[in-house]
Amino acid sequence: MPKRGKKYSESLKLVDRTKFYDPAEALDLVLKTSKANFDETVELAVRLGVDPRHADQQVRGAVVLPHGTGKVTRVLVITKGDKVKEAEEAGADYVGGEELVERIQKENWFEFDVVVASPDMMGVVGKIGRVLGPKGLMPNPKSGTVTFEVGNAVKEIKAGKVEYRVDKASIINVPIGKVSFGSEKLIDNFKVVMEAVIKARPSAAKGRYLRSVTVASTMGPGVKINGAKLME
C-alpha cells in the first residue's frame, strides 16, 4: 500500500470506516477531512449492480447541478452556418468546423473540456472519434452534446452540467462541487445526481442496484453513504 501523508492520516481518524452515513453527515465529514491548501473538488463515486458489458445495462446521462461544479469549463463547438453565431453568443470558448478537427488531428490540440457538435457535423467529428473517445470527449446524444440546439447546450454546460457514465468496473464518478461550496450546496448537487442515477436504472439490472455510494474530497478519505436509504 502507498504511504499516506500526515494530513490524510489525521483525516482518516475522523471517519468510521465501518459506518454508513446519511448524505448530510457524510458531506459534513468530507468538509472536515479536507485539509489541502487548495479548494478541493468533492467527488461522488457510485458502484452499481449492473454489467456494463451488456448494452441493455448501460447507465449514462447528464444533469445540470443547481450550484454548478465550481470549475470553469471550456467548451468546443463543432458546427456550421447560423449555428456558429449561436454558439459564440452562448459563450462557447471555441467554435468552428473542419478546421478545428484538423487542428486536433495535426497538433494534438486539447485545450477544451467538453465537445458539442451539431448532428450535421458528426461525419466530420467521426474522423477524430479514436482520439476523443478514450478521453471521454466524444459528443453523444444521450449527454446532450449532439444537438442542433448548440446555444442551449453551451449555456447548460457553462451553468454546471455534468455527465455521468458507468465505467468498465460498474462505477460512476461525478464531481458535485468544491469544498468551498459548503454542505448545503453540496447536498443539493448530490441529490440531483443521485436522483438521475436511480431513475436511469436499467430494467435488465437485477438485484441490488446501488452497491456502494462514497463521497470524498480530492485529497481526503472516502466516506460511505447508506445506499439502501437512497432507494426508499
Protein backbone atom coordinates (compact mmCIF):
# COMPACT_ATOMS: atom_id res chain seq x y z
CA MET A 1 0.00 0.00 0.00
CA PRO A 2 1.25 3.54 -0.73
CA LYS A 3 2.30 5.51 2.31
CA ARG A 4 -0.22 8.20 3.23
CA GLY A 5 0.70 11.69 4.37
CA LYS A 6 0.20 13.04 7.89
CA LYS A 7 -2.83 15.16 6.93
CA TYR A 8 -4.56 12.18 5.33
CA SER A 9 -3.88 10.00 8.37
CA GLU A 10 -5.33 12.67 10.65
CA SER A 11 -8.43 12.96 8.46
CA LEU A 12 -8.88 9.21 8.38
CA LYS A 13 -9.22 9.14 12.18
CA LEU A 14 -12.41 11.23 11.87
CA VAL A 15 -14.13 8.66 9.65
CA ASP A 16 -15.66 5.44 10.92
CA ARG A 17 -14.85 3.08 8.04
CA THR A 18 -17.45 0.54 9.24
CA LYS A 19 -20.31 3.05 9.26
CA PHE A 20 -22.75 4.05 6.51
CA TYR A 21 -23.60 7.72 6.92
CA ASP A 22 -26.59 9.78 5.88
CA PRO A 23 -25.71 12.13 2.96
CA ALA A 24 -25.68 15.31 5.08
CA GLU A 25 -23.49 13.66 7.74
CA ALA A 26 -21.14 12.27 5.09
CA LEU A 27 -20.67 15.59 3.34
CA ASP A 28 -20.06 17.37 6.64
CA LEU A 29 -17.30 14.82 7.27
CA VAL A 30 -15.86 15.41 3.79
CA LEU A 31 -15.57 19.11 4.63
CA LYS A 32 -13.94 18.37 8.00
CA THR A 33 -11.43 15.98 6.44
CA SER A 34 -10.45 18.36 3.65
CA LYS A 35 -7.06 19.67 4.74
CA ALA A 36 -5.35 20.60 1.46
CA ASN A 37 -4.21 24.17 0.85
CA PHE A 38 -6.39 24.49 -2.26
CA ASP A 39 -10.15 24.33 -2.91
CA GLU A 40 -10.62 20.59 -3.31
CA THR A 41 -13.21 19.06 -5.61
CA VAL A 42 -15.81 16.85 -3.95
CA GLU A 43 -16.32 13.61 -5.89
CA LEU A 44 -19.22 11.17 -5.78
CA ALA A 45 -18.46 7.52 -6.62
CA VAL A 46 -21.34 5.07 -7.10
CA ARG A 47 -20.80 1.36 -7.73
CA LEU A 48 -23.82 -0.11 -9.48
CA GLY A 49 -25.23 -3.61 -9.71
CA VAL A 50 -25.05 -3.65 -13.50
CA ASP A 51 -22.91 -5.43 -16.06
CA PRO A 52 -21.69 -2.66 -18.43
CA ARG A 53 -20.59 -5.27 -20.96
CA HIS A 54 -24.25 -5.57 -21.94
CA ALA A 55 -25.83 -2.77 -23.97
CA ASP A 56 -29.09 -3.04 -22.02
CA GLN A 57 -27.28 -2.36 -18.73
CA GLN A 58 -25.54 0.86 -19.67
CA VAL A 59 -26.16 3.79 -17.34
CA ARG A 60 -25.43 7.16 -18.85
CA GLY A 61 -26.87 10.65 -18.82
CA ALA A 62 -26.30 14.25 -17.83
CA VAL A 63 -27.70 16.67 -15.27
CA VAL A 64 -27.32 20.36 -14.53
CA LEU A 65 -26.08 20.82 -10.98
CA PRO A 66 -28.11 23.54 -9.21
CA HIS A 67 -24.93 25.17 -7.91
CA GLY A 68 -22.57 24.21 -10.73
CA THR A 69 -19.26 22.42 -10.31
CA GLY A 70 -17.11 25.35 -9.24
CA LYS A 71 -14.97 24.75 -12.29
CA VAL A 72 -14.64 26.88 -15.42
CA THR A 73 -15.50 24.53 -18.28
CA ARG A 74 -14.00 25.19 -21.70
CA VAL A 75 -16.47 24.30 -24.44
CA LEU A 76 -15.61 23.49 -28.06
CA VAL A 77 -18.48 23.56 -30.55
CA ILE A 78 -18.18 21.94 -33.97
CA THR A 79 -20.92 23.27 -36.21
CA LYS A 80 -21.58 25.42 -39.26
CA GLY A 81 -23.86 28.07 -40.73
CA ASP A 82 -26.05 30.12 -38.39
CA LYS A 83 -25.20 27.80 -35.51
CA VAL A 84 -21.69 29.28 -35.35
CA LYS A 85 -23.03 32.65 -34.18
CA GLU A 86 -25.50 30.95 -31.82
CA ALA A 87 -22.67 29.03 -30.12
CA GLU A 88 -20.46 32.13 -29.87
CA GLU A 89 -23.25 34.21 -28.33
CA ALA A 90 -23.93 31.44 -25.79
CA GLY A 91 -20.33 31.68 -24.56
CA ALA A 92 -18.55 28.81 -26.30
CA ASP A 93 -14.76 29.08 -25.99
CA TYR A 94 -14.02 27.69 -29.45
CA VAL A 95 -16.38 27.42 -32.43
CA GLY A 96 -15.69 26.09 -35.90
CA GLY A 97 -15.90 23.18 -38.29
CA GLU A 98 -13.42 21.05 -40.17
CA GLU A 99 -10.53 23.40 -39.38
CA LEU A 100 -10.84 22.57 -35.66
CA VAL A 101 -10.99 18.85 -36.40
CA GLU A 102 -7.79 19.20 -38.44
CA ARG A 103 -6.14 21.14 -35.62
CA ILE A 104 -6.92 18.31 -33.19
CA GLN A 105 -5.59 15.76 -35.69
CA LYS A 106 -2.39 17.59 -36.66
CA GLU A 107 -1.49 19.48 -33.48
CA ASN A 108 -2.85 17.10 -30.83
CA TRP A 109 -4.76 20.13 -29.51
CA PHE A 110 -6.96 19.51 -26.48
CA GLU A 111 -7.42 22.85 -24.74
CA PHE A 112 -11.09 22.17 -24.02
CA ASP A 113 -13.15 20.13 -21.57
CA VAL A 114 -16.37 19.38 -23.48
CA VAL A 115 -17.18 18.99 -27.17
CA VAL A 116 -20.61 19.88 -28.55
CA ALA A 117 -21.47 19.10 -32.17
CA SER A 118 -24.49 19.68 -34.36
CA PRO A 119 -25.79 16.43 -35.94
CA ASP A 120 -24.85 17.59 -39.46
CA MET A 121 -21.19 17.72 -38.39
CA MET A 122 -20.94 14.25 -36.82
CA GLY A 123 -19.50 12.83 -40.03
CA VAL A 124 -16.59 15.24 -39.63
CA VAL A 125 -16.29 14.64 -35.87
CA GLY A 126 -16.18 10.89 -36.54
CA LYS A 127 -12.72 11.37 -38.07
CA ILE A 128 -11.33 12.08 -34.61
CA GLY A 129 -13.51 9.62 -32.70
CA ARG A 130 -10.48 7.47 -31.89
CA VAL A 131 -8.78 10.32 -30.07
CA LEU A 132 -11.86 11.90 -28.49
CA GLY A 133 -13.36 8.61 -27.26
CA PRO A 134 -10.58 7.49 -24.88
CA LYS A 135 -10.55 10.98 -23.34
CA GLY A 136 -14.31 10.92 -22.75
CA LEU A 137 -14.77 13.85 -25.14
CA MET A 138 -16.80 12.26 -27.93
CA PRO A 139 -20.15 14.08 -28.36
CA ASN A 140 -23.17 11.91 -27.64
CA PRO A 141 -26.93 12.48 -28.00
CA LYS A 142 -27.59 10.88 -24.57
CA SER A 143 -25.49 13.50 -22.84
CA GLY A 144 -26.99 16.32 -24.91
CA THR A 145 -23.73 17.13 -26.69
CA VAL A 146 -25.03 16.18 -30.16
CA THR A 147 -27.78 18.67 -30.85
CA PHE A 148 -28.93 21.44 -33.17
CA GLU A 149 -29.67 23.48 -30.01
CA VAL A 150 -25.98 24.30 -29.62
CA GLY A 151 -26.65 27.56 -27.78
CA ASN A 152 -28.71 25.87 -25.08
CA ALA A 153 -26.15 23.07 -24.79
CA VAL A 154 -23.33 25.56 -24.20
CA LYS A 155 -25.34 27.52 -21.62
CA GLU A 156 -26.19 24.35 -19.67
CA ILE A 157 -22.57 23.18 -19.65
CA LYS A 158 -21.36 26.58 -18.51
CA ALA A 159 -24.05 26.57 -15.79
CA GLY A 160 -22.74 23.30 -14.36
CA LYS A 161 -23.94 20.40 -16.45
CA VAL A 162 -22.13 17.15 -15.69
CA GLU A 163 -22.21 13.81 -17.45
CA TYR A 164 -22.39 10.52 -15.57
CA ARG A 165 -21.45 7.23 -17.18
CA VAL A 166 -20.81 3.78 -15.76
CA ASP A 167 -17.28 2.53 -16.47
CA LYS A 168 -15.96 -1.00 -17.04
CA ALA A 169 -15.84 -1.59 -13.28
CA SER A 170 -19.54 -0.63 -12.94
CA ILE A 171 -18.62 2.64 -11.22
CA ILE A 172 -19.86 6.17 -11.88
CA ASN A 173 -17.60 9.06 -10.82
CA VAL A 174 -19.06 12.57 -10.80
CA PRO A 175 -17.79 15.88 -9.37
CA ILE A 176 -20.51 17.53 -7.26
CA GLY A 177 -18.77 20.79 -6.39
CA LYS A 178 -15.98 22.29 -4.34
CA VAL A 179 -15.25 22.22 -0.62
CA SER A 180 -15.84 25.98 -0.56
CA PHE A 181 -19.49 25.40 -1.53
CA GLY A 182 -20.38 24.32 2.00
CA SER A 183 -22.59 21.37 2.93
CA GLU A 184 -25.98 22.76 1.84
CA LYS A 185 -24.98 23.38 -1.78
CA LEU A 186 -23.14 20.05 -1.94
CA ILE A 187 -26.25 18.24 -0.65
CA ASP A 188 -28.39 19.91 -3.35
CA ASN A 189 -25.95 18.82 -6.06
CA PHE A 190 -25.64 15.31 -4.57
CA LYS A 191 -29.42 14.83 -4.59
CA VAL A 192 -29.78 15.87 -8.23
CA VAL A 193 -27.10 13.41 -9.39
CA MET A 194 -28.39 10.52 -7.28
CA GLU A 195 -31.99 11.03 -8.40
CA ALA A 196 -30.84 10.90 -12.02
CA VAL A 197 -28.72 7.77 -11.49
CA ILE A 198 -31.54 5.96 -9.67
CA LYS A 199 -34.05 6.97 -12.35
CA ALA A 200 -31.66 5.64 -15.02
CA ARG A 201 -31.71 2.12 -13.56
CA PRO A 202 -31.88 -0.32 -16.50
CA SER A 203 -34.80 -2.77 -16.43
CA ALA A 204 -32.26 -5.55 -17.13
CA ALA A 205 -30.37 -4.82 -13.88
CA LYS A 206 -31.11 -7.46 -11.25
CA GLY A 207 -30.52 -7.49 -7.50
CA ARG A 208 -29.22 -4.54 -5.51
CA TYR A 209 -28.74 -1.53 -7.77
CA LEU A 210 -26.68 0.78 -5.51
CA ARG A 211 -23.82 -1.45 -4.37
CA SER A 212 -21.86 1.40 -2.77
CA VAL A 213 -22.06 5.19 -2.57
CA THR A 214 -19.00 7.16 -1.46
CA VAL A 215 -18.08 10.84 -1.29
CA ALA A 216 -14.59 12.28 -0.86
CA SER A 217 -12.59 15.43 -1.43
CA THR A 218 -9.61 15.35 -3.81
CA MET A 219 -7.07 14.59 -1.07
CA GLY A 220 -9.37 13.25 1.63
CA PRO A 221 -10.60 9.78 2.62
CA GLY A 222 -13.80 8.27 1.24
CA VAL A 223 -16.96 8.46 3.36
CA LYS A 224 -19.58 5.75 2.77
CA ILE A 225 -23.26 6.62 2.40
CA ASN A 226 -26.23 4.36 3.11
CA GLY A 227 -27.35 3.48 -0.43
CA ALA A 228 -30.38 1.47 0.73
CA LYS A 229 -31.98 4.59 2.20
CA LEU A 230 -31.48 6.47 -1.04
CA MET A 231 -33.57 3.86 -2.85
CA GLU A 232 -36.53 4.26 -0.48
